[in-house]
Amino acid sequence: MVNQESLQSYIKWTNIVGILSIVLGGLAALAGVAAFLIGAAPGVLMIIAGVKLLNAKKSAQELLGLEDPIVVTEKFNQLLADSATFFKLQGIYYIVSIVMSVIGIIIWFAVIATMISQMQMY
């Protein structure tokens, strides 16, 4: 049988993190559109991840009142699938963010180096 306390805690935190992922993903997507359309991709990933996490929360809530082992197994498998998708998307988001940050830092150093070399010419 599923531990009810752990499931309640899971429901609470998946709701909080899911909503935050959607809201922050929306803000990131809006900010990314201002940079270039491709800049919105990490925000869109966060939104999709947040929706998957809220789907996992829904499966967890449905588990609370179930007794039939077959239905419990189906709901639990759906919960795991949605949670796994959330973690995959979050991992992709982190990787994309790191890559974009490194590219930004490289561009920043290149601009600074160009400015310094231009200043030394005069």
PDB file of N, CA and C in Angstrom:
ATOM      1  N   MET A   1       0.847  -1.185   0.000  1.00  0.00           N
ATOM      2  CA  MET A   1       0.000   0.000   0.000  1.00  0.00           C
ATOM      3  C   MET A   1       0.893   1.249   0.000  1.00  0.00           C
ATOM      4  N   VAL A   2       0.380   2.292  -0.566  1.00  0.00           N
ATOM      5  CA  VAL A   2       1.116   3.546  -0.702  1.00  0.00           C
ATOM      6  C   VAL A   2       1.073   4.308   0.622  1.00  0.00           C
ATOM      7  N   ASN A   3       2.207   4.859   1.022  1.00  0.00           N
ATOM      8  CA  ASN A   3       2.283   5.659   2.242  1.00  0.00           C
ATOM      9  C   ASN A   3       1.516   6.970   2.025  1.00  0.00           C
ATOM     10  N   GLN A   4       0.443   7.157   2.781  1.00  0.00           N
ATOM     11  CA  GLN A   4      -0.439   8.317   2.603  1.00  0.00           C
ATOM     12  C   GLN A   4       0.258   9.638   2.932  1.00  0.00           C
ATOM     13  N   GLU A   5       1.079   9.642   3.989  1.00  0.00           N
ATOM     14  CA  GLU A   5       1.791  10.869   4.373  1.00  0.00           C
ATOM     15  C   GLU A   5       2.764  11.313   3.291  1.00  0.00           C
ATOM     16  N   SER A   6       3.525  10.378   2.773  1.00  0.00           N
ATOM     17  CA  SER A   6       4.483  10.699   1.712  1.00  0.00           C
ATOM     18  C   SER A   6       3.762  11.181   0.465  1.00  0.00           C
ATOM     19  N   LEU A   7       2.636  10.549   0.170  1.00  0.00           N
ATOM     20  CA  LEU A   7       1.863  10.943  -1.007  1.00  0.00           C
ATOM     21  C   LEU A   7       1.289  12.346  -0.836  1.00  0.00           C
ATOM     22  N   GLN A   8       0.826  12.670   0.361  1.00  0.00           N
ATOM     23  CA  GLN A   8       0.307  14.020   0.634  1.00  0.00           C
ATOM     24  C   GLN A   8       1.414  15.064   0.459  1.00  0.00           C
ATOM     25  N   SER A   9       2.594  14.756   0.959  1.00  0.00           N
ATOM     26  CA  SER A   9       3.732  15.657   0.813  1.00  0.00           C
ATOM     27  C   SER A   9       4.107  15.816  -0.659  1.00  0.00           C
ATOM     28  N   TYR A  10       4.105  14.695  -1.375  1.00  0.00           N
ATOM     29  CA  TYR A  10       4.400  14.730  -2.818  1.00  0.00           C
ATOM     30  C   TYR A  10       3.394  15.621  -3.547  1.00  0.00           C
ATOM     31  N   ILE A  11       2.113  15.456  -3.224  1.00  0.00           N
ATOM     32  CA  ILE A  11       1.052  16.257  -3.860  1.00  0.00           C
ATOM     33  C   ILE A  11       1.277  17.743  -3.589  1.00  0.00           C
ATOM     34  N   LYS A  12       1.569  18.064  -2.343  1.00  0.00           N
ATOM     35  CA  LYS A  12       1.786  19.463  -1.962  1.00  0.00           C
ATOM     36  C   LYS A  12       2.938  20.074  -2.754  1.00  0.00           C
ATOM     37  N   TRP A  13       4.072  19.377  -2.785  1.00  0.00           N
ATOM     38  CA  TRP A  13       5.256  19.954  -3.419  1.00  0.00           C
ATOM     39  C   TRP A  13       5.209  19.901  -4.940  1.00  0.00           C
ATOM     40  N   THR A  14       4.560  18.888  -5.501  1.00  0.00           N
ATOM     41  CA  THR A  14       4.422  18.894  -6.957  1.00  0.00           C
ATOM     42  C   THR A  14       3.521  20.032  -7.400  1.00  0.00           C
ATOM     43  N   ASN A  15       2.533  20.356  -6.595  1.00  0.00           N
ATOM     44  CA  ASN A  15       1.663  21.489  -6.919  1.00  0.00           C
ATOM     45  C   ASN A  15       2.451  22.796  -6.887  1.00  0.00           C
ATOM     46  N   ILE A  16       3.212  23.006  -5.824  1.00  0.00           N
ATOM     47  CA  ILE A  16       3.990  24.240  -5.689  1.00  0.00           C
ATOM     48  C   ILE A  16       5.017  24.354  -6.815  1.00  0.00           C
ATOM     49  N   VAL A  17       5.809  23.309  -7.026  1.00  0.00           N
ATOM     50  CA  VAL A  17       6.869  23.354  -8.041  1.00  0.00           C
ATOM     51  C   VAL A  17       6.272  23.398  -9.443  1.00  0.00           C
ATOM     52  N   GLY A  18       5.172  22.698  -9.668  1.00  0.00           N
ATOM     53  CA  GLY A  18       4.520  22.720 -10.977  1.00  0.00           C
ATOM     54  C   GLY A  18       4.029  24.115 -11.342  1.00  0.00           C
ATOM     55  N   ILE A  19       3.363  24.770 -10.407  1.00  0.00           N
ATOM     56  CA  ILE A  19       2.864  26.135 -10.657  1.00  0.00           C
ATOM     57  C   ILE A  19       4.031  27.093 -10.853  1.00  0.00           C
ATOM     58  N   LEU A  20       5.049  26.994 -10.009  1.00  0.00           N
ATOM     59  CA  LEU A  20       6.220  27.864 -10.162  1.00  0.00           C
ATOM     60  C   LEU A  20       6.920  27.639 -11.507  1.00  0.00           C
ATOM     61  N   SER A  21       6.995  26.399 -11.938  1.00  0.00           N
ATOM     62  CA  SER A  21       7.628  26.095 -13.228  1.00  0.00           C
ATOM     63  C   SER A  21       6.856  26.733 -14.372  1.00  0.00           C
ATOM     64  N   ILE A  22       5.546  26.686 -14.300  1.00  0.00           N
ATOM     65  CA  ILE A  22       4.724  27.287 -15.358  1.00  0.00           C
ATOM     66  C   ILE A  22       4.874  28.803 -15.356  1.00  0.00           C
ATOM     67  N   VAL A  23       4.790  29.407 -14.187  1.00  0.00           N
ATOM     68  CA  VAL A  23       4.892  30.873 -14.098  1.00  0.00           C
ATOM     69  C   VAL A  23       6.284  31.346 -14.518  1.00  0.00           C
ATOM     70  N   LEU A  24       7.321  30.745 -13.952  1.00  0.00           N
ATOM     71  CA  LEU A  24       8.683  31.159 -14.295  1.00  0.00           C
ATOM     72  C   LEU A  24       9.025  30.809 -15.741  1.00  0.00           C
ATOM     73  N   GLY A  25       8.481  29.707 -16.238  1.00  0.00           N
ATOM     74  CA  GLY A  25       8.669  29.354 -17.642  1.00  0.00           C
ATOM     75  C   GLY A  25       8.031  30.380 -18.560  1.00  0.00           C
ATOM     76  N   GLY A  26       6.864  30.862 -18.185  1.00  0.00           N
ATOM     77  CA  GLY A  26       6.204  31.908 -18.968  1.00  0.00           C
ATOM     78  C   GLY A  26       7.025  33.182 -18.994  1.00  0.00           C
ATOM     79  N   LEU A  27       7.556  33.558 -17.842  1.00  0.00           N
ATOM     80  CA  LEU A  27       8.400  34.757 -17.785  1.00  0.00           C
ATOM     81  C   LEU A  27       9.681  34.578 -18.588  1.00  0.00           C
ATOM     82  N   ALA A  28      10.281  33.386 -18.494  1.00  0.00           N
ATOM     83  CA  ALA A  28      11.502  33.103 -19.248  1.00  0.00           C
ATOM     84  C   ALA A  28      11.222  33.101 -20.748  1.00  0.00           C
ATOM     85  N   ALA A  29      10.077  32.561 -21.138  1.00  0.00           N
ATOM     86  CA  ALA A  29       9.719  32.540 -22.564  1.00  0.00           C
ATOM     87  C   ALA A  29       9.508  33.964 -23.078  1.00  0.00           C
ATOM     88  N   LEU A  30       8.837  34.797 -22.288  1.00  0.00           N
ATOM     89  CA  LEU A  30       8.637  36.189 -22.702  1.00  0.00           C
ATOM     90  C   LEU A  30       9.959  36.931 -22.817  1.00  0.00           C
ATOM     91  N   ALA A  31      10.840  36.719 -21.854  1.00  0.00           N
ATOM     92  CA  ALA A  31      12.155  37.368 -21.898  1.00  0.00           C
ATOM     93  C   ALA A  31      12.964  36.830 -23.072  1.00  0.00           C
ATOM     94  N   GLY A  32      12.843  35.551 -23.355  1.00  0.00           N
ATOM     95  CA  GLY A  32      13.577  34.947 -24.457  1.00  0.00           C
ATOM     96  C   GLY A  32      13.115  35.429 -25.814  1.00  0.00           C
ATOM     97  N   VAL A  33      11.826  35.701 -25.949  1.00  0.00           N
ATOM     98  CA  VAL A  33      11.298  36.212 -27.213  1.00  0.00           C
ATOM     99  C   VAL A  33      11.904  37.570 -27.513  1.00  0.00           C
ATOM    100  N   ALA A  34      12.147  38.357 -26.482  1.00  0.00           N
ATOM    101  CA  ALA A  34      12.748  39.679 -26.685  1.00  0.00           C
ATOM    102  C   ALA A  34      14.165  39.546 -27.231  1.00  0.00           C
ATOM    103  N   ALA A  35      14.884  38.507 -26.814  1.00  0.00           N
ATOM    104  CA  ALA A  35      16.255  38.306 -27.288  1.00  0.00           C
ATOM    105  C   ALA A  35      16.222  37.780 -28.720  1.00  0.00           C
ATOM    106  N   PHE A  36      15.566  36.708 -28.935  1.00  0.00           N
ATOM    107  CA  PHE A  36      15.310  36.094 -30.239  1.00  0.00           C
ATOM    108  C   PHE A  36      14.309  34.993 -29.988  1.00  0.00           C
ATOM    109  N   LEU A  37      13.634  34.553 -30.993  1.00  0.00           N
ATOM    110  CA  LEU A  37      12.609  33.537 -30.811  1.00  0.00           C
ATOM    111  C   LEU A  37      13.174  32.264 -30.191  1.00  0.00           C
ATOM    112  N   ILE A  38      14.369  31.884 -30.547  1.00  0.00           N
ATOM    113  CA  ILE A  38      14.996  30.677 -30.002  1.00  0.00           C
ATOM    114  C   ILE A  38      15.233  30.818 -28.495  1.00  0.00           C
ATOM    115  N   GLY A  39      15.359  32.049 -28.028  1.00  0.00           N
ATOM    116  CA  GLY A  39      15.569  32.295 -26.604  1.00  0.00           C
ATOM    117  C   GLY A  39      14.380  31.903 -25.750  1.00  0.00           C
ATOM    118  N   ALA A  40      13.222  31.721 -26.373  1.00  0.00           N
ATOM    119  CA  ALA A  40      12.025  31.334 -25.635  1.00  0.00           C
ATOM    120  C   ALA A  40      11.984  29.836 -25.340  1.00  0.00           C
ATOM    121  N   ALA A  41      12.828  29.052 -25.997  1.00  0.00           N
ATOM    122  CA  ALA A  41      12.798  27.588 -25.855  1.00  0.00           C
ATOM    123  C   ALA A  41      12.947  27.108 -24.408  1.00  0.00           C
ATOM    124  N   PRO A  42      13.902  27.636 -23.642  1.00  0.00           N
ATOM    125  CA  PRO A  42      13.988  27.159 -22.246  1.00  0.00           C
ATOM    126  C   PRO A  42      12.718  27.434 -21.446  1.00  0.00           C
ATOM    127  N   GLY A  43      12.101  28.570 -21.684  1.00  0.00           N
ATOM    128  CA  GLY A  43      10.856  28.888 -20.981  1.00  0.00           C
ATOM    129  C   GLY A  43       9.730  27.935 -21.353  1.00  0.00           C
ATOM    130  N   VAL A  44       9.656  27.595 -22.636  1.00  0.00           N
ATOM    131  CA  VAL A  44       8.637  26.656 -23.094  1.00  0.00           C
ATOM    132  C   VAL A  44       8.877  25.283 -22.461  1.00  0.00           C
ATOM    133  N   LEU A  45      10.140  24.867 -22.367  1.00  0.00           N
ATOM    134  CA  LEU A  45      10.458  23.596 -21.697  1.00  0.00           C
ATOM    135  C   LEU A  45       9.988  23.615 -20.243  1.00  0.00           C
ATOM    136  N   MET A  46      10.193  24.739 -19.575  1.00  0.00           N
ATOM    137  CA  MET A  46       9.763  24.840 -18.175  1.00  0.00           C
ATOM    138  C   MET A  46       8.242  24.748 -18.053  1.00  0.00           C
ATOM    139  N   ILE A  47       7.531  25.371 -18.984  1.00  0.00           N
ATOM    140  CA  ILE A  47       6.066  25.319 -18.951  1.00  0.00           C
ATOM    141  C   ILE A  47       5.593  23.877 -19.131  1.00  0.00           C
ATOM    142  N   ILE A  48       6.134  23.183 -20.127  1.00  0.00           N
ATOM    143  CA  ILE A  48       5.744  21.793 -20.376  1.00  0.00           C
ATOM    144  C   ILE A  48       6.075  20.928 -19.161  1.00  0.00           C
ATOM    145  N   ALA A  49       7.246  21.151 -18.567  1.00  0.00           N
ATOM    146  CA  ALA A  49       7.644  20.390 -17.376  1.00  0.00           C
ATOM    147  C   ALA A  49       6.670  20.646 -16.227  1.00  0.00           C
ATOM    148  N   GLY A  50       6.271  21.890 -16.045  1.00  0.00           N
ATOM    149  CA  GLY A  50       5.317  22.221 -14.988  1.00  0.00           C
ATOM    150  C   GLY A  50       3.973  21.542 -15.190  1.00  0.00           C
ATOM    151  N   VAL A  51       3.517  21.498 -16.442  1.00  0.00           N
ATOM    152  CA  VAL A  51       2.253  20.819 -16.748  1.00  0.00           C
ATOM    153  C   VAL A  51       2.377  19.325 -16.445  1.00  0.00           C
ATOM    154  N   LYS A  52       3.503  18.709 -16.820  1.00  0.00           N
ATOM    155  CA  LYS A  52       3.714  17.289 -16.527  1.00  0.00           C
ATOM    156  C   LYS A  52       3.710  17.033 -15.021  1.00  0.00           C
ATOM    157  N   LEU A  53       4.297  17.947 -14.274  1.00  0.00           N
ATOM    158  CA  LEU A  53       4.326  17.767 -12.825  1.00  0.00           C
ATOM    159  C   LEU A  53       2.928  17.895 -12.230  1.00  0.00           C
ATOM    160  N   LEU A  54       2.128  18.804 -12.751  1.00  0.00           N
ATOM    161  CA  LEU A  54       0.744  18.914 -12.274  1.00  0.00           C
ATOM    162  C   LEU A  54      -0.062  17.670 -12.659  1.00  0.00           C
ATOM    163  N   ASN A  55       0.253  17.056 -13.808  1.00  0.00           N
ATOM    164  CA  ASN A  55      -0.389  15.787 -14.172  1.00  0.00           C
ATOM    165  C   ASN A  55       0.006  14.687 -13.189  1.00  0.00           C
ATOM    166  N   ALA A  56       1.266  14.681 -12.773  1.00  0.00           N
ATOM    167  CA  ALA A  56       1.727  13.707 -11.778  1.00  0.00           C
ATOM    168  C   ALA A  56       0.990  13.924 -10.456  1.00  0.00           C
ATOM    169  N   LYS A  57       0.789  15.181 -10.104  1.00  0.00           N
ATOM    170  CA  LYS A  57       0.049  15.491  -8.870  1.00  0.00           C
ATOM    171  C   LYS A  57      -1.367  14.951  -8.954  1.00  0.00           C
ATOM    172  N   LYS A  58      -1.985  15.092 -10.115  1.00  0.00           N
ATOM    173  CA  LYS A  58      -3.351  14.595 -10.297  1.00  0.00           C
ATOM    174  C   LYS A  58      -3.390  13.076 -10.112  1.00  0.00           C
ATOM    175  N   SER A  59      -2.416  12.377 -10.689  1.00  0.00           N
ATOM    176  CA  SER A  59      -2.351  10.919 -10.515  1.00  0.00           C
ATOM    177  C   SER A  59      -2.155  10.548  -9.052  1.00  0.00           C
ATOM    178  N   ALA A  60      -1.334  11.327  -8.353  1.00  0.00           N
ATOM    179  CA  ALA A  60      -1.087  11.069  -6.927  1.00  0.00           C
ATOM    180  C   ALA A  60      -2.359  11.287  -6.119  1.00  0.00           C
ATOM    181  N   GLN A  61      -3.113  12.321  -6.452  1.00  0.00           N
ATOM    182  CA  GLN A  61      -4.363  12.580  -5.734  1.00  0.00           C
ATOM    183  C   GLN A  61      -5.354  11.433  -5.950  1.00  0.00           C
ATOM    184  N   GLU A  62      -5.374  10.911  -7.174  1.00  0.00           N
ATOM    185  CA  GLU A  62      -6.281   9.804  -7.474  1.00  0.00           C
ATOM    186  C   GLU A  62      -5.874   8.533  -6.732  1.00  0.00           C
ATOM    187  N   LEU A  63      -4.597   8.401  -6.427  1.00  0.00           N
ATOM    188  CA  LEU A  63      -4.113   7.227  -5.692  1.00  0.00           C
ATOM    189  C   LEU A  63      -4.624   7.187  -4.259  1.00  0.00           C
ATOM    190  N   LEU A  64      -4.907   8.358  -3.697  1.00  0.00           N
ATOM    191  CA  LEU A  64      -5.269   8.432  -2.281  1.00  0.00           C
ATOM    192  C   LEU A  64      -6.463   7.561  -1.916  1.00  0.00           C
ATOM    193  N   GLY A  65      -7.479   7.530  -2.757  1.00  0.00           N
ATOM    194  CA  GLY A  65      -8.685   6.809  -2.380  1.00  0.00           C
ATOM    195  C   GLY A  65      -8.824   5.436  -3.002  1.00  0.00           C
ATOM    196  N   LEU A  66      -7.810   4.962  -3.670  1.00  0.00           N
ATOM    197  CA  LEU A  66      -7.934   3.695  -4.390  1.00  0.00           C
ATOM    198  C   LEU A  66      -7.563   2.500  -3.525  1.00  0.00           C
ATOM    199  N   GLU A  67      -8.265   1.407  -3.756  1.00  0.00           N
ATOM    200  CA  GLU A  67      -7.978   0.157  -3.050  1.00  0.00           C
ATOM    201  C   GLU A  67      -7.602  -0.962  -4.015  1.00  0.00           C
ATOM    202  N   ASP A  68      -8.153  -0.932  -5.225  1.00  0.00           N
ATOM    203  CA  ASP A  68      -7.918  -1.985  -6.221  1.00  0.00           C
ATOM    204  C   ASP A  68      -6.450  -1.972  -6.659  1.00  0.00           C
ATOM    205  N   PRO A  69      -5.711  -3.037  -6.428  1.00  0.00           N
ATOM    206  CA  PRO A  69      -4.276  -3.067  -6.741  1.00  0.00           C
ATOM    207  C   PRO A  69      -3.963  -2.805  -8.220  1.00  0.00           C
ATOM    208  N   ILE A  70      -4.826  -3.252  -9.112  1.00  0.00           N
ATOM    209  CA  ILE A  70      -4.582  -3.041 -10.540  1.00  0.00           C
ATOM    210  C   ILE A  70      -4.688  -1.558 -10.883  1.00  0.00           C
ATOM    211  N   VAL A  71      -5.703  -0.895 -10.379  1.00  0.00           N
ATOM    212  CA  VAL A  71      -5.889   0.539 -10.632  1.00  0.00           C
ATOM    213  C   VAL A  71      -4.786   1.336  -9.944  1.00  0.00           C
ATOM    214  N   VAL A  72      -4.412   0.930  -8.729  1.00  0.00           N
ATOM    215  CA  VAL A  72      -3.318   1.604  -8.008  1.00  0.00           C
ATOM    216  C   VAL A  72      -2.037   1.506  -8.824  1.00  0.00           C
ATOM    217  N   THR A  73      -1.759   0.344  -9.373  1.00  0.00           N
ATOM    218  CA  THR A  73      -0.551   0.156 -10.188  1.00  0.00           C
ATOM    219  C   THR A  73      -0.585   1.043 -11.422  1.00  0.00           C
ATOM    220  N   GLU A  74      -1.732   1.126 -12.091  1.00  0.00           N
ATOM    221  CA  GLU A  74      -1.859   1.971 -13.287  1.00  0.00           C
ATOM    222  C   GLU A  74      -1.626   3.440 -12.945  1.00  0.00           C
ATOM    223  N   LYS A  75      -2.257   3.914 -11.887  1.00  0.00           N
ATOM    224  CA  LYS A  75      -2.104   5.323 -11.490  1.00  0.00           C
ATOM    225  C   LYS A  75      -0.672   5.605 -11.043  1.00  0.00           C
ATOM    226  N   PHE A  76      -0.093   4.661 -10.332  1.00  0.00           N
ATOM    227  CA  PHE A  76       1.282   4.852  -9.870  1.00  0.00           C
ATOM    228  C   PHE A  76       2.238   4.895 -11.057  1.00  0.00           C
ATOM    229  N   ASN A  77       2.023   4.035 -12.039  1.00  0.00           N
ATOM    230  CA  ASN A  77       2.858   4.060 -13.240  1.00  0.00           C
ATOM    231  C   ASN A  77       2.702   5.379 -13.997  1.00  0.00           C
ATOM    232  N   GLN A  78       1.486   5.917 -14.049  1.00  0.00           N
ATOM    233  CA  GLN A  78       1.269   7.215 -14.700  1.00  0.00           C
ATOM    234  C   GLN A  78       1.970   8.320 -13.929  1.00  0.00           C
ATOM    235  N   LEU A  79       1.895   8.250 -12.608  1.00  0.00           N
ATOM    236  CA  LEU A  79       2.590   9.223 -11.760  1.00  0.00           C
ATOM    237  C   LEU A  79       4.096   9.185 -12.038  1.00  0.00           C
ATOM    238  N   LEU A  80       4.666   7.990 -12.110  1.00  0.00           N
ATOM    239  CA  LEU A  80       6.103   7.858 -12.383  1.00  0.00           C
ATOM    240  C   LEU A  80       6.461   8.357 -13.776  1.00  0.00           C
ATOM    241  N   ALA A  81       5.620   8.061 -14.758  1.00  0.00           N
ATOM    242  CA  ALA A  81       5.894   8.502 -16.129  1.00  0.00           C
ATOM    243  C   ALA A  81       5.894  10.028 -16.217  1.00  0.00           C
ATOM    244  N   ASP A  82       4.895  10.671 -15.606  1.00  0.00           N
ATOM    245  CA  ASP A  82       4.831  12.138 -15.636  1.00  0.00           C
ATOM    246  C   ASP A  82       5.983  12.757 -14.846  1.00  0.00           C
ATOM    247  N   SER A  83       6.333  12.143 -13.721  1.00  0.00           N
ATOM    248  CA  SER A  83       7.460  12.650 -12.929  1.00  0.00           C
ATOM    249  C   SER A  83       8.765  12.507 -13.705  1.00  0.00           C
ATOM    250  N   ALA A  84       8.943  11.376 -14.373  1.00  0.00           N
ATOM    251  CA  ALA A  84      10.159  11.158 -15.164  1.00  0.00           C
ATOM    252  C   ALA A  84      10.257  12.175 -16.292  1.00  0.00           C
ATOM    253  N   THR A  85       9.136  12.468 -16.947  1.00  0.00           N
ATOM    254  CA  THR A  85       9.135  13.479 -18.010  1.00  0.00           C
ATOM    255  C   THR A  85       9.516  14.840 -17.452  1.00  0.00           C
ATOM    256  N   PHE A  86       8.988  15.162 -16.269  1.00  0.00           N
ATOM    257  CA  PHE A  86       9.348  16.432 -15.631  1.00  0.00           C
ATOM    258  C   PHE A  86      10.851  16.519 -15.426  1.00  0.00           C
ATOM    259  N   PHE A  87      11.440  15.461 -14.878  1.00  0.00           N
ATOM    260  CA  PHE A  87      12.877  15.492 -14.598  1.00  0.00           C
ATOM    261  C   PHE A  87      13.709  15.540 -15.874  1.00  0.00           C
ATOM    262  N   LYS A  88      13.278  14.852 -16.911  1.00  0.00           N
ATOM    263  CA  LYS A  88      13.974  14.919 -18.197  1.00  0.00           C
ATOM    264  C   LYS A  88      13.951  16.343 -18.744  1.00  0.00           C
ATOM    265  N   LEU A  89      12.771  16.956 -18.729  1.00  0.00           N
ATOM    266  CA  LEU A  89      12.654  18.319 -19.254  1.00  0.00           C
ATOM    267  C   LEU A  89      13.449  19.310 -18.412  1.00  0.00           C
ATOM    268  N   GLN A  90      13.440  19.122 -17.106  1.00  0.00           N
ATOM    269  CA  GLN A  90      14.241  19.996 -16.248  1.00  0.00           C
ATOM    270  C   GLN A  90      15.725  19.822 -16.547  1.00  0.00           C
ATOM    271  N   GLY A  91      16.164  18.579 -16.764  1.00  0.00           N
ATOM    272  CA  GLY A  91      17.556  18.333 -17.123  1.00  0.00           C
ATOM    273  C   GLY A  91      17.922  19.013 -18.423  1.00  0.00           C
ATOM    274  N   ILE A  92      17.045  18.908 -19.420  1.00  0.00           N
ATOM    275  CA  ILE A  92      17.282  19.593 -20.701  1.00  0.00           C
ATOM    276  C   ILE A  92      17.342  21.096 -20.480  1.00  0.00           C
ATOM    277  N   TYR A  93      16.418  21.615 -19.668  1.00  0.00           N
ATOM    278  CA  TYR A  93      16.409  23.052 -19.372  1.00  0.00           C
ATOM    279  C   TYR A  93      17.732  23.484 -18.741  1.00  0.00           C
ATOM    280  N   TYR A  94      18.217  22.721 -17.789  1.00  0.00           N
ATOM    281  CA  TYR A  94      19.480  23.063 -17.137  1.00  0.00           C
ATOM    282  C   TYR A  94      20.638  23.029 -18.123  1.00  0.00           C
ATOM    283  N   ILE A  95      20.671  22.007 -18.977  1.00  0.00           N
ATOM    284  CA  ILE A  95      21.744  21.904 -19.963  1.00  0.00           C
ATOM    285  C   ILE A  95      21.700  23.080 -20.929  1.00  0.00           C
ATOM    286  N   VAL A  96      20.501  23.397 -21.439  1.00  0.00           N
ATOM    287  CA  VAL A  96      20.356  24.540 -22.360  1.00  0.00           C
ATOM    288  C   VAL A  96      20.772  25.834 -21.665  1.00  0.00           C
ATOM    289  N   SER A  97      20.374  25.999 -20.423  1.00  0.00           N
ATOM    290  CA  SER A  97      20.734  27.214 -19.677  1.00  0.00           C
ATOM    291  C   SER A  97      22.242  27.330 -19.491  1.00  0.00           C
ATOM    292  N   ILE A  98      22.887  26.221 -19.170  1.00  0.00           N
ATOM    293  CA  ILE A  98      24.346  26.246 -18.993  1.00  0.00           C
ATOM    294  C   ILE A  98      25.029  26.592 -20.308  1.00  0.00           C
ATOM    295  N   VAL A  99      24.596  25.953 -21.399  1.00  0.00           N
ATOM    296  CA  VAL A  99      25.196  26.224 -22.712  1.00  0.00           C
ATOM    297  C   VAL A  99      25.004  27.685 -23.092  1.00  0.00           C
ATOM    298  N   MET A 100      23.786  28.196 -22.910  1.00  0.00           N
ATOM    299  CA  MET A 100      23.513  29.602 -23.251  1.00  0.00           C
ATOM    300  C   MET A 100      24.343  30.537 -22.376  1.00  0.00           C
ATOM    301  N   SER A 101      24.518  30.202 -21.120  1.00  0.00           N
ATOM    302  CA  SER A 101      25.328  31.030 -20.228  1.00  0.00           C
ATOM    303  C   SER A 101      26.785  31.046 -20.660  1.00  0.00           C
ATOM    304  N   VAL A 102      27.308  29.872 -21.002  1.00  0.00           N
ATOM    305  CA  VAL A 102      28.703  29.791 -21.458  1.00  0.00           C
ATOM    306  C   VAL A 102      28.886  30.597 -22.742  1.00  0.00           C
ATOM    307  N   ILE A 103      27.950  30.464 -23.690  1.00  0.00           N
ATOM    308  CA  ILE A 103      28.026  31.243 -24.927  1.00  0.00           C
ATOM    309  C   ILE A 103      27.975  32.733 -24.619  1.00  0.00           C
ATOM    310  N   GLY A 104      27.103  33.127 -23.712  1.00  0.00           N
ATOM    311  CA  GLY A 104      27.005  34.533 -23.315  1.00  0.00           C
ATOM    312  C   GLY A 104      28.294  35.058 -22.697  1.00  0.00           C
ATOM    313  N   ILE A 105      28.907  34.243 -21.848  1.00  0.00           N
ATOM    314  CA  ILE A 105      30.170  34.639 -21.212  1.00  0.00           C
ATOM    315  C   ILE A 105      31.269  34.771 -22.259  1.00  0.00           C
ATOM    316  N   ILE A 106      31.330  33.835 -23.196  1.00  0.00           N
ATOM    317  CA  ILE A 106      32.331  33.903 -24.263  1.00  0.00           C
ATOM    318  C   ILE A 106      32.135  35.170 -25.096  1.00  0.00           C
ATOM    319  N   ILE A 107      30.887  35.447 -25.448  1.00  0.00           N
ATOM    320  CA  ILE A 107      30.600  36.671 -26.228  1.00  0.00           C
ATOM    321  C   ILE A 107      30.979  37.906 -25.421  1.00  0.00           C
ATOM    322  N   TRP A 108      30.674  37.895 -24.140  1.00  0.00           N
ATOM    323  CA  TRP A 108      30.999  39.041 -23.288  1.00  0.00           C
ATOM    324  C   TRP A 108      32.508  39.277 -23.262  1.00  0.00           C
ATOM    325  N   PHE A 109      33.282  38.199 -23.065  1.00  0.00           N
ATOM    326  CA  PHE A 109      34.738  38.335 -23.059  1.00  0.00           C
ATOM    327  C   PHE A 109      35.260  38.803 -24.416  1.00  0.00           C
ATOM    328  N   ALA A 110      34.663  38.316 -25.497  1.00  0.00           N
ATOM    329  CA  ALA A 110      35.085  38.727 -26.838  1.00  0.00           C
ATOM    330  C   ALA A 110      34.822  40.215 -27.050  1.00  0.00           C
ATOM    331  N   VAL A 111      33.692  40.689 -26.611  1.00  0.00           N
ATOM    332  CA  VAL A 111      33.357  42.117 -26.740  1.00  0.00           C
ATOM    333  C   VAL A 111      34.313  42.955 -25.901  1.00  0.00           C
ATOM    334  N   ILE A 112      34.577  42.541 -24.684  1.00  0.00           N
ATOM    335  CA  ILE A 112      35.497  43.276 -23.813  1.00  0.00           C
ATOM    336  C   ILE A 112      36.901  43.286 -24.417  1.00  0.00           C
ATOM    337  N   ALA A 113      37.351  42.135 -24.923  1.00  0.00           N
ATOM    338  CA  ALA A 113      38.680  42.061 -25.535  1.00  0.00           C
ATOM    339  C   ALA A 113      38.763  42.970 -26.755  1.00  0.00           C
ATOM    340  N   THR A 114      37.712  43.016 -27.547  1.00  0.00           N
ATOM    341  CA  THR A 114      37.677  43.899 -28.718  1.00  0.00           C
ATOM    342  C   THR A 114      37.720  45.354 -28.289  1.00  0.00           C
ATOM    343  N   MET A 115      36.979  45.699 -27.265  1.00  0.00           N
ATOM    344  CA  MET A 115      36.969  47.085 -26.781  1.00  0.00           C
ATOM    345  C   MET A 115      38.351  47.481 -26.258  1.00  0.00           C
ATOM    346  N   ILE A 116      38.993  46.590 -25.521  1.00  0.00           N
ATOM    347  CA  ILE A 116      40.327  46.878 -24.975  1.00  0.00           C
ATOM    348  C   ILE A 116      41.331  47.050 -26.106  1.00  0.00           C
ATOM    349  N   SER A 117      41.256  46.170 -27.115  1.00  0.00           N
ATOM    350  CA  SER A 117      42.205  46.286 -28.225  1.00  0.00           C
ATOM    351  C   SER A 117      41.947  47.560 -29.036  1.00  0.00           C
ATOM    352  N   GLN A 118      40.714  47.964 -29.125  1.00  0.00           N
ATOM    353  CA  GLN A 118      40.396  49.215 -29.833  1.00  0.00           C
ATOM    354  C   GLN A 118      40.896  50.420 -29.061  1.00  0.00           C
ATOM    355  N   MET A 119      40.812  50.350 -27.751  1.00  0.00           N
ATOM    356  CA  MET A 119      41.288  51.461 -26.905  1.00  0.00           C
ATOM    357  C   MET A 119      42.791  51.578 -26.968  1.00  0.00           C
ATOM    358  N   GLN A 120      43.519  50.478 -27.091  1.00  0.00           N
ATOM    359  CA  GLN A 120      44.970  50.498 -27.145  1.00  0.00           C
ATOM    360  C   GLN A 120      45.484  51.024 -28.474  1.00  0.00           C
ATOM    361  N   MET A 121      44.651  50.964 -29.509  1.00  0.00           N
ATOM    362  CA  MET A 121      45.076  51.458 -30.819  1.00  0.00           C
ATOM    363  C   MET A 121      45.159  52.982 -30.840  1.00  0.00           C
ATOM    364  N   TYR A 122      44.397  53.624 -30.002  1.00  0.00           N
ATOM    365  CA  TYR A 122      44.366  55.087 -30.009  1.00  0.00           C
ATOM    366  C   TYR A 122      45.317  55.653 -29.042  1.00  0.00           C
TER     367      TYR A 122
END
